[in-house]
Amino acid sequence: MDFEILGPITQEETFASGKGIRELARLQRVYGRGRWRKRKGIAEVKLADGSICRVELHWYEATGIGRREFKIKRYLPDV
């Protein structure tokens, strides 16, 4: 991850779960079996260059395993 999440993630939403996740086999092989979900939300992040901005994040999450593989999907205007 080349960014740091500052504060809580808001507007969390699950948009894929179980067999709806294309990467399911890889996730289970790398992190273990679990009820995997692909989620998204809004957060403020600090980028590698030190700038702070609001972004839409996507990540994978499973009960007992936690949140894995955060990625920035788009930058949002500051409110």
Protein backbone atom coordinates (compact mmCIF):
# COMPACT_ATOMS: atom_id res chain seq x y z
CA MET A 1 0.00 0.00 0.00
CA ASP A 2 1.50 3.33 -0.99
CA PHE A 3 -0.95 5.32 1.13
CA GLU A 4 -2.09 5.53 4.76
CA ILE A 5 -5.75 5.60 5.76
CA LEU A 6 -6.52 8.51 8.09
CA GLY A 7 -9.61 8.12 10.29
CA PRO A 8 -12.64 5.92 9.74
CA ILE A 9 -13.99 4.59 6.45
CA THR A 10 -17.52 5.88 5.84
CA GLN A 11 -20.36 4.84 3.55
CA GLU A 12 -19.18 1.21 3.58
CA GLU A 13 -20.99 -1.03 1.15
CA THR A 14 -20.65 -4.67 0.06
CA PHE A 15 -20.97 -5.06 -3.70
CA ALA A 16 -19.82 -8.66 -4.23
CA SER A 17 -19.65 -11.78 -2.09
CA GLY A 18 -18.89 -15.47 -2.38
CA LYS A 19 -18.72 -16.72 -5.96
CA GLY A 20 -19.40 -13.19 -7.23
CA ILE A 21 -15.75 -12.36 -6.47
CA ARG A 22 -13.46 -13.16 -9.42
CA GLU A 23 -10.41 -13.46 -7.15
CA LEU A 24 -12.03 -15.88 -4.68
CA ALA A 25 -9.71 -18.85 -5.32
CA ARG A 26 -6.60 -16.67 -4.93
CA LEU A 27 -7.91 -15.03 -1.75
CA GLN A 28 -8.62 -18.42 -0.18
CA ARG A 29 -5.19 -19.74 -1.19
CA VAL A 30 -3.30 -16.70 0.15
CA TYR A 31 -5.31 -15.77 3.27
CA GLY A 32 -7.46 -18.83 4.01
CA ARG A 33 -11.05 -19.89 3.65
CA GLY A 34 -13.70 -17.52 4.87
CA ARG A 35 -16.85 -15.68 3.91
CA TRP A 36 -15.18 -13.26 1.51
CA ARG A 37 -16.82 -9.99 0.51
CA LYS A 38 -15.66 -7.20 -1.77
CA ARG A 39 -16.42 -3.83 -0.19
CA LYS A 40 -16.08 -0.13 -0.88
CA GLY A 41 -16.16 3.06 1.14
CA ILE A 42 -14.99 6.66 1.40
CA ALA A 43 -11.94 7.71 3.42
CA GLU A 44 -9.23 10.33 3.73
CA VAL A 45 -5.79 9.02 2.88
CA LYS A 46 -2.25 10.33 3.05
CA LEU A 47 -0.39 9.57 -0.17
CA ALA A 48 3.31 8.73 -0.47
CA ASP A 49 4.10 12.34 -1.44
CA GLY A 50 2.47 13.62 1.78
CA SER A 51 -0.72 15.03 0.27
CA ILE A 52 -4.07 14.26 1.90
CA CYS A 53 -7.20 13.62 -0.16
CA ARG A 54 -10.61 11.93 -0.08
CA VAL A 55 -10.85 8.72 -2.09
CA GLU A 56 -13.11 5.79 -2.81
CA LEU A 57 -11.41 2.64 -1.50
CA HIS A 58 -12.08 -0.97 -2.47
CA TRP A 59 -10.92 -3.95 -0.41
CA TYR A 60 -11.60 -7.61 0.38
CA GLU A 61 -12.85 -8.64 3.81
CA ALA A 62 -13.63 -11.91 5.57
CA THR A 63 -14.82 -12.68 9.09
CA GLY A 64 -11.92 -13.80 11.28
CA ILE A 65 -9.38 -12.71 8.64
CA GLY A 66 -10.07 -8.99 8.39
CA ARG A 67 -9.63 -6.39 5.67
CA ARG A 68 -7.07 -7.12 2.96
CA GLU A 69 -5.71 -5.54 -0.23
CA PHE A 70 -6.91 -1.93 -0.11
CA LYS A 71 -6.78 0.00 -3.36
CA ILE A 72 -7.77 3.49 -4.41
CA LYS A 73 -10.42 3.38 -7.12
CA ARG A 74 -11.01 7.10 -7.59
CA TYR A 75 -10.19 10.48 -6.10
CA LEU A 76 -13.09 12.56 -4.82
CA PRO A 77 -13.41 16.34 -4.52
CA ASP A 78 -12.88 17.71 -1.00
CA VAL A 79 -16.06 18.82 0.75
